[in-house]
All heavy atoms as atom14 arrays in JSON, in Angstrom:
{
  "sequence": "ARADDVLLCVSELVTNALLHGVPPGRGFRLHLYLEPADGTLRVEVHD",
  "atom14_mask": [
    [1, 1, 1, 1, 1, 0, 0, 0, 0, 0, 0, 0, 0, 0],
    [1, 1, 1, 1, 1, 1, 1, 1, 1, 1, 1, 0, 0, 0],
    [1, 1, 1, 1, 1, 0, 0, 0, 0, 0, 0, 0, 0, 0],
    [1, 1, 1, 1, 1, 1, 1, 1, 0, 0, 0, 0, 0, 0],
    [1, 1, 1, 1, 1, 1, 1, 1, 0, 0, 0, 0, 0, 0],
    [1, 1, 1, 1, 1, 1, 1, 0, 0, 0, 0, 0, 0, 0],
    [1, 1, 1, 1, 1, 1, 1, 1, 0, 0, 0, 0, 0, 0],
    [1, 1, 1, 1, 1, 1, 1, 1, 0, 0, 0, 0, 0, 0],
    [1, 1, 1, 1, 1, 1, 0, 0, 0, 0, 0, 0, 0, 0],
    [1, 1, 1, 1, 1, 1, 1, 0, 0, 0, 0, 0, 0, 0],
    [1, 1, 1, 1, 1, 1, 0, 0, 0, 0, 0, 0, 0, 0],
    [1, 1, 1, 1, 1, 1, 1, 1, 1, 0, 0, 0, 0, 0],
    [1, 1, 1, 1, 1, 1, 1, 1, 0, 0, 0, 0, 0, 0],
    [1, 1, 1, 1, 1, 1, 1, 0, 0, 0, 0, 0, 0, 0],
    [1, 1, 1, 1, 1, 1, 1, 0, 0, 0, 0, 0, 0, 0],
    [1, 1, 1, 1, 1, 1, 1, 1, 0, 0, 0, 0, 0, 0],
    [1, 1, 1, 1, 1, 0, 0, 0, 0, 0, 0, 0, 0, 0],
    [1, 1, 1, 1, 1, 1, 1, 1, 0, 0, 0, 0, 0, 0],
    [1, 1, 1, 1, 1, 1, 1, 1, 0, 0, 0, 0, 0, 0],
    [1, 1, 1, 1, 1, 1, 1, 1, 1, 1, 0, 0, 0, 0],
    [1, 1, 1, 1, 0, 0, 0, 0, 0, 0, 0, 0, 0, 0],
    [1, 1, 1, 1, 1, 1, 1, 0, 0, 0, 0, 0, 0, 0],
    [1, 1, 1, 1, 1, 1, 1, 0, 0, 0, 0, 0, 0, 0],
    [1, 1, 1, 1, 1, 1, 1, 0, 0, 0, 0, 0, 0, 0],
    [1, 1, 1, 1, 0, 0, 0, 0, 0, 0, 0, 0, 0, 0],
    [1, 1, 1, 1, 1, 1, 1, 1, 1, 1, 1, 0, 0, 0],
    [1, 1, 1, 1, 0, 0, 0, 0, 0, 0, 0, 0, 0, 0],
    [1, 1, 1, 1, 1, 1, 1, 1, 1, 1, 1, 0, 0, 0],
    [1, 1, 1, 1, 1, 1, 1, 1, 1, 1, 1, 0, 0, 0],
    [1, 1, 1, 1, 1, 1, 1, 1, 0, 0, 0, 0, 0, 0],
    [1, 1, 1, 1, 1, 1, 1, 1, 1, 1, 0, 0, 0, 0],
    [1, 1, 1, 1, 1, 1, 1, 1, 0, 0, 0, 0, 0, 0],
    [1, 1, 1, 1, 1, 1, 1, 1, 1, 1, 1, 1, 0, 0],
    [1, 1, 1, 1, 1, 1, 1, 1, 0, 0, 0, 0, 0, 0],
    [1, 1, 1, 1, 1, 1, 1, 1, 1, 0, 0, 0, 0, 0],
    [1, 1, 1, 1, 1, 1, 1, 0, 0, 0, 0, 0, 0, 0],
    [1, 1, 1, 1, 1, 0, 0, 0, 0, 0, 0, 0, 0, 0],
    [1, 1, 1, 1, 1, 1, 1, 1, 0, 0, 0, 0, 0, 0],
    [1, 1, 1, 1, 0, 0, 0, 0, 0, 0, 0, 0, 0, 0],
    [1, 1, 1, 1, 1, 1, 1, 0, 0, 0, 0, 0, 0, 0],
    [1, 1, 1, 1, 1, 1, 1, 1, 0, 0, 0, 0, 0, 0],
    [1, 1, 1, 1, 1, 1, 1, 1, 1, 1, 1, 0, 0, 0],
    [1, 1, 1, 1, 1, 1, 1, 0, 0, 0, 0, 0, 0, 0],
    [1, 1, 1, 1, 1, 1, 1, 1, 1, 0, 0, 0, 0, 0],
    [1, 1, 1, 1, 1, 1, 1, 0, 0, 0, 0, 0, 0, 0],
    [1, 1, 1, 1, 1, 1, 1, 1, 1, 1, 0, 0, 0, 0],
    [1, 1, 1, 1, 1, 1, 1, 1, 0, 0, 0, 0, 0, 0]
  ],
  "atom14_positions": [
    [[13.01, 8.77, 6.27], [13.94, 9.24, 5.24], [13.33, 9.19, 3.84], [13.56, 10.07, 3.03], [15.23, 8.43, 5.29], [0.0, 0.0, 0.0], [0.0, 0.0, 0.0], [0.0, 0.0, 0.0], [0.0, 0.0, 0.0], [0.0, 0.0, 0.0], [0.0, 0.0, 0.0], [0.0, 0.0, 0.0], [0.0, 0.0, 0.0], [0.0, 0.0, 0.0]],
    [[12.56, 8.18, 3.54], [11.96, 8.04, 2.2], [10.44, 8.19, 2.26], [9.71, 7.67, 1.42], [12.34, 6.69, 1.6], [13.84, 6.6, 1.35], [14.25, 5.37, 0.61], [13.71, 5.35, -0.75], [13.77, 4.27, -1.53], [14.35, 3.17, -1.1], [13.27, 4.3, -2.76], [0.0, 0.0, 0.0], [0.0, 0.0, 0.0], [0.0, 0.0, 0.0]],
    [[9.97, 8.93, 3.24], [8.53, 9.06, 3.46], [7.79, 9.57, 2.23], [6.71, 9.07, 1.9], [8.24, 9.94, 4.66], [0.0, 0.0, 0.0], [0.0, 0.0, 0.0], [0.0, 0.0, 0.0], [0.0, 0.0, 0.0], [0.0, 0.0, 0.0], [0.0, 0.0, 0.0], [0.0, 0.0, 0.0], [0.0, 0.0, 0.0], [0.0, 0.0, 0.0]],
    [[8.33, 10.56, 1.54], [7.63, 11.1, 0.37], [7.44, 10.04, -0.71], [6.37, 9.93, -1.29], [8.39, 12.3, -0.21], [8.33, 13.53, 0.7], [7.44, 13.59, 1.56], [9.19, 14.41, 0.53], [0.0, 0.0, 0.0], [0.0, 0.0, 0.0], [0.0, 0.0, 0.0], [0.0, 0.0, 0.0], [0.0, 0.0, 0.0], [0.0, 0.0, 0.0]],
    [[8.49, 9.26, -0.97], [8.39, 8.18, -1.97], [7.37, 7.13, -1.53], [6.54, 6.68, -2.33], [9.74, 7.5, -2.18], [10.76, 8.41, -2.86], [10.37, 9.47, -3.39], [11.94, 8.03, -2.87], [0.0, 0.0, 0.0], [0.0, 0.0, 0.0], [0.0, 0.0, 0.0], [0.0, 0.0, 0.0], [0.0, 0.0, 0.0], [0.0, 0.0, 0.0]],
    [[7.44, 6.74, -0.27], [6.52, 5.72, 0.25], [5.08, 6.22, 0.15], [4.2, 5.49, -0.34], [6.87, 5.36, 1.71], [5.8, 4.46, 2.32], [8.24, 4.71, 1.79], [0.0, 0.0, 0.0], [0.0, 0.0, 0.0], [0.0, 0.0, 0.0], [0.0, 0.0, 0.0], [0.0, 0.0, 0.0], [0.0, 0.0, 0.0], [0.0, 0.0, 0.0]],
    [[4.82, 7.45, 0.57], [3.46, 7.97, 0.57], [2.91, 8.12, -0.85], [1.72, 7.84, -1.09], [3.39, 9.29, 1.33], [3.65, 9.15, 2.83], [3.78, 10.53, 3.47], [2.56, 8.34, 3.51], [0.0, 0.0, 0.0], [0.0, 0.0, 0.0], [0.0, 0.0, 0.0], [0.0, 0.0, 0.0], [0.0, 0.0, 0.0], [0.0, 0.0, 0.0]],
    [[3.74, 8.52, -1.79], [3.28, 8.61, -3.18], [2.93, 7.23, -3.72], [1.88, 7.04, -4.35], [4.34, 9.28, -4.06], [3.96, 9.45, -5.53], [2.65, 10.22, -5.69], [5.08, 10.15, -6.27], [0.0, 0.0, 0.0], [0.0, 0.0, 0.0], [0.0, 0.0, 0.0], [0.0, 0.0, 0.0], [0.0, 0.0, 0.0], [0.0, 0.0, 0.0]],
    [[3.76, 6.24, -3.45], [3.48, 4.88, -3.91], [2.22, 4.32, -3.24], [1.41, 3.65, -3.9], [4.68, 3.97, -3.66], [6.07, 4.34, -4.75], [0.0, 0.0, 0.0], [0.0, 0.0, 0.0], [0.0, 0.0, 0.0], [0.0, 0.0, 0.0], [0.0, 0.0, 0.0], [0.0, 0.0, 0.0], [0.0, 0.0, 0.0], [0.0, 0.0, 0.0]],
    [[2.05, 4.59, -1.95], [0.83, 4.16, -1.26], [-0.39, 4.77, -1.94], [-1.38, 4.08, -2.2], [0.9, 4.53, 0.24], [-0.48, 4.46, 0.89], [1.88, 3.64, 0.96], [0.0, 0.0, 0.0], [0.0, 0.0, 0.0], [0.0, 0.0, 0.0], [0.0, 0.0, 0.0], [0.0, 0.0, 0.0], [0.0, 0.0, 0.0], [0.0, 0.0, 0.0]],
    [[-0.33, 6.06, -2.24], [-1.46, 6.72, -2.9], [-1.77, 6.07, -4.24], [-2.95, 5.84, -4.57], [-1.14, 8.2, -3.14], [-1.02, 8.89, -1.93], [0.0, 0.0, 0.0], [0.0, 0.0, 0.0], [0.0, 0.0, 0.0], [0.0, 0.0, 0.0], [0.0, 0.0, 0.0], [0.0, 0.0, 0.0], [0.0, 0.0, 0.0], [0.0, 0.0, 0.0]],
    [[-0.75, 5.76, -5.01], [-0.96, 5.15, -6.32], [-1.54, 3.75, -6.21], [-2.48, 3.4, -6.92], [0.35, 5.12, -7.12], [0.88, 6.49, -7.49], [-0.07, 7.29, -8.37], [-0.91, 6.7, -9.1], [0.03, 8.53, -8.35], [0.0, 0.0, 0.0], [0.0, 0.0, 0.0], [0.0, 0.0, 0.0], [0.0, 0.0, 0.0], [0.0, 0.0, 0.0]],
    [[-1.0, 2.93, -5.3], [-1.5, 1.56, -5.16], [-2.93, 1.54, -4.64], [-3.76, 0.75, -5.11], [-0.59, 0.75, -4.25], [0.84, 0.5, -4.75], [1.61, -0.37, -3.76], [0.85, -0.12, -6.13], [0.0, 0.0, 0.0], [0.0, 0.0, 0.0], [0.0, 0.0, 0.0], [0.0, 0.0, 0.0], [0.0, 0.0, 0.0], [0.0, 0.0, 0.0]],
    [[-3.24, 2.39, -3.68], [-4.6, 2.44, -3.13], [-5.58, 2.96, -4.17], [-6.68, 2.42, -4.34], [-4.63, 3.28, -1.83], [-6.05, 3.58, -1.41], [-3.88, 2.56, -0.72], [0.0, 0.0, 0.0], [0.0, 0.0, 0.0], [0.0, 0.0, 0.0], [0.0, 0.0, 0.0], [0.0, 0.0, 0.0], [0.0, 0.0, 0.0], [0.0, 0.0, 0.0]],
    [[-5.19, 4.0, -4.89], [-6.06, 4.53, -5.94], [-6.34, 3.48, -7.0], [-7.49, 3.3, -7.43], [-5.44, 5.79, -6.57], [-5.3, 6.79, -5.55], [-6.32, 6.34, -7.69], [0.0, 0.0, 0.0], [0.0, 0.0, 0.0], [0.0, 0.0, 0.0], [0.0, 0.0, 0.0], [0.0, 0.0, 0.0], [0.0, 0.0, 0.0], [0.0, 0.0, 0.0]],
    [[-5.31, 2.75, -7.42], [-5.51, 1.67, -8.38], [-6.45, 0.6, -7.84], [-7.31, 0.09, -8.57], [-4.18, 1.03, -8.77], [-3.41, 1.86, -9.76], [-3.91, 2.83, -10.3], [-2.16, 1.49, -9.98], [0.0, 0.0, 0.0], [0.0, 0.0, 0.0], [0.0, 0.0, 0.0], [0.0, 0.0, 0.0], [0.0, 0.0, 0.0], [0.0, 0.0, 0.0]],
    [[-6.29, 0.25, -6.58], [-7.19, -0.75, -5.98], [-8.63, -0.25, -5.99], [-9.55, -0.99, -6.35], [-6.75, -1.08, -4.55], [0.0, 0.0, 0.0], [0.0, 0.0, 0.0], [0.0, 0.0, 0.0], [0.0, 0.0, 0.0], [0.0, 0.0, 0.0], [0.0, 0.0, 0.0], [0.0, 0.0, 0.0], [0.0, 0.0, 0.0], [0.0, 0.0, 0.0]],
    [[-8.82, 1.01, -5.64], [-10.18, 1.56, -5.61], [-10.8, 1.64, -7.0], [-11.98, 1.35, -7.17], [-10.16, 2.95, -4.97], [-9.83, 2.98, -3.48], [-9.71, 4.41, -2.99], [-10.86, 2.22, -2.67], [0.0, 0.0, 0.0], [0.0, 0.0, 0.0], [0.0, 0.0, 0.0], [0.0, 0.0, 0.0], [0.0, 0.0, 0.0], [0.0, 0.0, 0.0]],
    [[-10.0, 2.01, -7.99], [-10.53, 2.15, -9.35], [-10.7, 0.83, -10.08], [-11.62, 0.66, -10.88], [-9.61, 3.06, -10.17], [-9.56, 4.52, -9.75], [-8.52, 5.27, -10.57], [-10.93, 5.17, -9.89], [0.0, 0.0, 0.0], [0.0, 0.0, 0.0], [0.0, 0.0, 0.0], [0.0, 0.0, 0.0], [0.0, 0.0, 0.0], [0.0, 0.0, 0.0]],
    [[-9.79, -0.12, -9.83], [-9.75, -1.33, -10.66], [-9.88, -2.64, -9.9], [-10.11, -3.67, -10.52], [-8.44, -1.37, -11.46], [-8.16, -0.12, -12.21], [-8.91, 0.28, -13.29], [-7.2, 0.82, -12.03], [-8.43, 1.43, -13.75], [-7.4, 1.78, -13.01], [0.0, 0.0, 0.0], [0.0, 0.0, 0.0], [0.0, 0.0, 0.0], [0.0, 0.0, 0.0]],
    [[-9.68, -2.64, -8.59], [-9.58, -3.91, -7.89], [-10.6, -4.18, -6.81], [-10.71, -5.3, -6.35], [0.0, 0.0, 0.0], [0.0, 0.0, 0.0], [0.0, 0.0, 0.0], [0.0, 0.0, 0.0], [0.0, 0.0, 0.0], [0.0, 0.0, 0.0], [0.0, 0.0, 0.0], [0.0, 0.0, 0.0], [0.0, 0.0, 0.0], [0.0, 0.0, 0.0]],
    [[-11.34, -3.16, -6.41], [-12.3, -3.35, -5.32], [-13.71, -3.28, -5.88], [-14.15, -2.23, -6.36], [-12.11, -2.29, -4.21], [-13.13, -2.49, -3.1], [-10.69, -2.32, -3.66], [0.0, 0.0, 0.0], [0.0, 0.0, 0.0], [0.0, 0.0, 0.0], [0.0, 0.0, 0.0], [0.0, 0.0, 0.0], [0.0, 0.0, 0.0], [0.0, 0.0, 0.0]],
    [[-14.44, -4.39, -5.85], [-15.83, -4.38, -6.33], [-16.71, -3.48, -5.46], [-16.41, -3.26, -4.28], [-16.27, -5.84, -6.19], [-15.0, -6.63, -6.11], [-14.01, -5.73, -5.44], [0.0, 0.0, 0.0], [0.0, 0.0, 0.0], [0.0, 0.0, 0.0], [0.0, 0.0, 0.0], [0.0, 0.0, 0.0], [0.0, 0.0, 0.0], [0.0, 0.0, 0.0]],
    [[-17.79, -2.96, -6.01], [-18.71, -2.12, -5.23], [-19.16, -2.83, -3.96], [-19.4, -4.04, -3.95], [-19.89, -1.9, -6.19], [-19.29, -2.04, -7.55], [-18.22, -3.1, -7.41], [0.0, 0.0, 0.0], [0.0, 0.0, 0.0], [0.0, 0.0, 0.0], [0.0, 0.0, 0.0], [0.0, 0.0, 0.0], [0.0, 0.0, 0.0], [0.0, 0.0, 0.0]],
    [[-19.24, -2.06, -2.89], [-19.68, -2.6, -1.6], [-18.6, -3.33, -0.82], [-18.85, -3.86, 0.25], [0.0, 0.0, 0.0], [0.0, 0.0, 0.0], [0.0, 0.0, 0.0], [0.0, 0.0, 0.0], [0.0, 0.0, 0.0], [0.0, 0.0, 0.0], [0.0, 0.0, 0.0], [0.0, 0.0, 0.0], [0.0, 0.0, 0.0], [0.0, 0.0, 0.0]],
    [[-17.38, -3.35, -1.33], [-16.28, -4.05, -0.66], [-15.2, -3.06, -0.27], [-15.34, -1.86, -0.44], [-15.73, -5.13, -1.55], [-16.81, -6.19, -1.82], [-16.24, -7.31, -2.47], [-16.34, -8.51, -1.66], [-16.04, -9.68, -2.14], [-15.58, -9.78, -3.36], [-16.17, -10.75, -1.42], [0.0, 0.0, 0.0], [0.0, 0.0, 0.0], [0.0, 0.0, 0.0]],
    [[-14.08, -3.59, 0.18], [-12.98, -2.74, 0.6], [-11.65, -3.36, 0.26], [-11.56, -4.36, -0.44], [0.0, 0.0, 0.0], [0.0, 0.0, 0.0], [0.0, 0.0, 0.0], [0.0, 0.0, 0.0], [0.0, 0.0, 0.0], [0.0, 0.0, 0.0], [0.0, 0.0, 0.0], [0.0, 0.0, 0.0], [0.0, 0.0, 0.0], [0.0, 0.0, 0.0]],
    [[-10.61, -2.76, 0.8], [-9.25, -3.26, 0.6], [-8.53, -3.21, 1.93], [-8.92, -2.53, 2.86], [-8.5, -2.41, -0.44], [-8.24, -1.0, 0.03], [-7.04, -0.68, 0.66], [-9.19, -0.02, -0.14], [-6.81, 0.61, 1.12], [-8.96, 1.27, 0.32], [-7.78, 1.57, 0.95], [0.0, 0.0, 0.0], [0.0, 0.0, 0.0], [0.0, 0.0, 0.0]],
    [[-7.45, -3.96, 2.0], [-6.63, -4.02, 3.21], [-5.21, -3.6, 2.84], [-4.68, -4.02, 1.82], [-6.65, -5.43, 3.78], [-6.03, -5.55, 5.14], [-6.35, -6.89, 5.78], [-7.78, -7.16, 5.88], [-8.59, -6.69, 6.83], [-8.12, -5.92, 7.77], [-9.86, -7.01, 6.85], [0.0, 0.0, 0.0], [0.0, 0.0, 0.0], [0.0, 0.0, 0.0]],
    [[-4.61, -2.77, 3.68], [-3.22, -2.38, 3.51], [-2.4, -3.0, 4.62], [-2.77, -2.89, 5.79], [-3.06, -0.86, 3.53], [-1.62, -0.41, 3.36], [-1.49, 0.58, 2.23], [-1.08, 0.19, 4.64], [0.0, 0.0, 0.0], [0.0, 0.0, 0.0], [0.0, 0.0, 0.0], [0.0, 0.0, 0.0], [0.0, 0.0, 0.0], [0.0, 0.0, 0.0]],
    [[-1.32, -3.68, 4.26], [-0.36, -4.23, 5.22], [0.92, -3.43, 5.09], [1.38, -3.16, 3.97], [-0.07, -5.7, 4.95], [-1.21, -6.61, 5.22], [-1.1, -7.97, 5.06], [-2.47, -6.39, 5.64], [-2.25, -8.54, 5.37], [-3.1, -7.59, 5.71], [0.0, 0.0, 0.0], [0.0, 0.0, 0.0], [0.0, 0.0, 0.0], [0.0, 0.0, 0.0]],
    [[1.51, -3.11, 6.21], [2.76, -2.37, 6.25], [3.72, -3.12, 7.16], [3.39, -3.39, 8.31], [2.49, -0.96, 6.79], [3.59, 0.07, 6.72], [3.96, 0.35, 5.27], [3.13, 1.36, 7.4], [0.0, 0.0, 0.0], [0.0, 0.0, 0.0], [0.0, 0.0, 0.0], [0.0, 0.0, 0.0], [0.0, 0.0, 0.0], [0.0, 0.0, 0.0]],
    [[4.88, -3.51, 6.61], [5.88, -4.27, 7.35], [7.19, -3.49, 7.37], [7.6, -2.95, 6.35], [6.21, -5.6, 6.66], [5.07, -6.55, 6.44], [4.32, -6.49, 5.28], [4.79, -7.53, 7.38], [3.28, -7.39, 5.07], [3.77, -8.44, 7.16], [3.02, -8.36, 6.0], [2.0, -9.25, 5.79], [0.0, 0.0, 0.0], [0.0, 0.0, 0.0]],
    [[7.87, -3.53, 8.48], [9.23, -3.03, 8.55], [10.09, -4.12, 9.17], [9.82, -4.58, 10.28], [9.33, -1.76, 9.4], [10.76, -1.26, 9.64], [11.44, -0.86, 8.34], [10.76, -0.11, 10.63], [0.0, 0.0, 0.0], [0.0, 0.0, 0.0], [0.0, 0.0, 0.0], [0.0, 0.0, 0.0], [0.0, 0.0, 0.0], [0.0, 0.0, 0.0]],
    [[11.1, -4.54, 8.43], [12.05, -5.54, 8.92], [13.26, -4.78, 9.45], [14.1, -4.32, 8.68], [12.46, -6.48, 7.79], [13.45, -7.54, 8.2], [12.97, -8.4, 9.35], [11.94, -9.09, 9.17], [13.61, -8.38, 10.41], [0.0, 0.0, 0.0], [0.0, 0.0, 0.0], [0.0, 0.0, 0.0], [0.0, 0.0, 0.0], [0.0, 0.0, 0.0]],
    [[13.35, -4.6, 10.78], [14.45, -3.81, 11.35], [15.83, -4.37, 11.05], [16.78, -3.62, 10.9], [14.18, -3.83, 12.85], [12.76, -4.2, 13.0], [12.43, -5.07, 11.82], [0.0, 0.0, 0.0], [0.0, 0.0, 0.0], [0.0, 0.0, 0.0], [0.0, 0.0, 0.0], [0.0, 0.0, 0.0], [0.0, 0.0, 0.0], [0.0, 0.0, 0.0]],
    [[15.95, -5.68, 10.95], [17.27, -6.29, 10.76], [17.93, -5.85, 9.45], [19.12, -5.59, 9.42], [17.16, -7.81, 10.8], [0.0, 0.0, 0.0], [0.0, 0.0, 0.0], [0.0, 0.0, 0.0], [0.0, 0.0, 0.0], [0.0, 0.0, 0.0], [0.0, 0.0, 0.0], [0.0, 0.0, 0.0], [0.0, 0.0, 0.0], [0.0, 0.0, 0.0]],
    [[17.14, -5.77, 8.37], [17.75, -5.37, 7.1], [17.23, -4.05, 6.56], [17.64, -3.61, 5.49], [17.59, -6.47, 6.05], [16.16, -6.7, 5.62], [15.26, -5.97, 6.06], [15.93, -7.63, 4.82], [0.0, 0.0, 0.0], [0.0, 0.0, 0.0], [0.0, 0.0, 0.0], [0.0, 0.0, 0.0], [0.0, 0.0, 0.0], [0.0, 0.0, 0.0]],
    [[16.32, -3.41, 7.29], [15.84, -2.09, 6.88], [14.93, -2.1, 5.67], [14.91, -1.15, 4.9], [0.0, 0.0, 0.0], [0.0, 0.0, 0.0], [0.0, 0.0, 0.0], [0.0, 0.0, 0.0], [0.0, 0.0, 0.0], [0.0, 0.0, 0.0], [0.0, 0.0, 0.0], [0.0, 0.0, 0.0], [0.0, 0.0, 0.0], [0.0, 0.0, 0.0]],
    [[14.15, -3.16, 5.49], [13.22, -3.23, 4.36], [11.82, -2.87, 4.83], [11.3, -3.44, 5.78], [13.19, -4.64, 3.74], [14.5, -4.96, 3.29], [12.22, -4.72, 2.58], [0.0, 0.0, 0.0], [0.0, 0.0, 0.0], [0.0, 0.0, 0.0], [0.0, 0.0, 0.0], [0.0, 0.0, 0.0], [0.0, 0.0, 0.0], [0.0, 0.0, 0.0]],
    [[11.21, -1.92, 4.14], [9.84, -1.51, 4.38], [9.0, -2.06, 3.22], [9.32, -1.82, 2.06], [9.73, 0.01, 4.43], [8.32, 0.55, 4.62], [7.84, 0.28, 6.04], [8.28, 2.04, 4.31], [0.0, 0.0, 0.0], [0.0, 0.0, 0.0], [0.0, 0.0, 0.0], [0.0, 0.0, 0.0], [0.0, 0.0, 0.0], [0.0, 0.0, 0.0]],
    [[7.95, -2.81, 3.54], [7.09, -3.42, 2.51], [5.67, -2.91, 2.68], [5.12, -2.92, 3.78], [7.12, -4.94, 2.61], [6.3, -5.63, 1.52], [6.44, -7.14, 1.64], [5.59, -7.85, 0.73], [6.0, -8.44, -0.39], [7.28, -8.4, -0.72], [5.16, -9.09, -1.16], [0.0, 0.0, 0.0], [0.0, 0.0, 0.0], [0.0, 0.0, 0.0]],
    [[5.08, -2.49, 1.58], [3.69, -2.03, 1.52], [2.94, -3.02, 0.66], [3.37, -3.34, -0.45], [3.61, -0.62, 0.89], [2.17, -0.19, 0.73], [4.42, 0.39, 1.67], [0.0, 0.0, 0.0], [0.0, 0.0, 0.0], [0.0, 0.0, 0.0], [0.0, 0.0, 0.0], [0.0, 0.0, 0.0], [0.0, 0.0, 0.0], [0.0, 0.0, 0.0]],
    [[1.81, -3.52, 1.16], [0.96, -4.42, 0.38], [-0.47, -3.89, 0.38], [-1.0, -3.54, 1.43], [0.93, -5.82, 0.99], [2.23, -6.54, 0.99], [2.14, -7.93, 1.6], [1.07, -8.31, 2.15], [3.15, -8.65, 1.53], [0.0, 0.0, 0.0], [0.0, 0.0, 0.0], [0.0, 0.0, 0.0], [0.0, 0.0, 0.0], [0.0, 0.0, 0.0]],
    [[-1.08, -3.87, -0.8], [-2.5, -3.52, -0.92], [-3.23, -4.75, -1.42], [-2.95, -5.25, -2.51], [-2.7, -2.32, -1.87], [-4.19, -2.02, -2.02], [-1.97, -1.09, -1.34], [0.0, 0.0, 0.0], [0.0, 0.0, 0.0], [0.0, 0.0, 0.0], [0.0, 0.0, 0.0], [0.0, 0.0, 0.0], [0.0, 0.0, 0.0], [0.0, 0.0, 0.0]],
    [[-4.13, -5.26, -0.58], [-4.9, -6.47, -0.87], [-6.3, -6.07, -1.33], [-6.98, -5.34, -0.62], [-5.04, -7.33, 0.4], [-3.75, -7.81, 0.95], [-3.45, -9.15, 1.03], [-2.66, -7.16, 1.45], [-2.26, -9.3, 1.56], [-1.75, -8.11, 1.83], [0.0, 0.0, 0.0], [0.0, 0.0, 0.0], [0.0, 0.0, 0.0], [0.0, 0.0, 0.0]],
    [[-6.7, -6.53, -2.52], [-8.07, -6.26, -2.96], [-8.74, -7.59, -3.31], [-8.09, -8.62, -3.39], [-8.11, -5.27, -4.12], [-7.55, -5.8, -5.42], [-7.97, -6.9, -5.86], [-6.69, -5.14, -6.02], [0.0, 0.0, 0.0], [0.0, 0.0, 0.0], [0.0, 0.0, 0.0], [0.0, 0.0, 0.0], [0.0, 0.0, 0.0], [0.0, 0.0, 0.0]]
  ]
}
């Protein structure tokens, strides 16, 4: 239902990590959680 919003935010967070948070030669990790009980989708970008 909110895929467009989620995907735009994912693009922004990943781009920021690549430009500002990931040192050369390294990478980043994305975690995606869905809590079915309350319907919360959480996106985390770890750098």
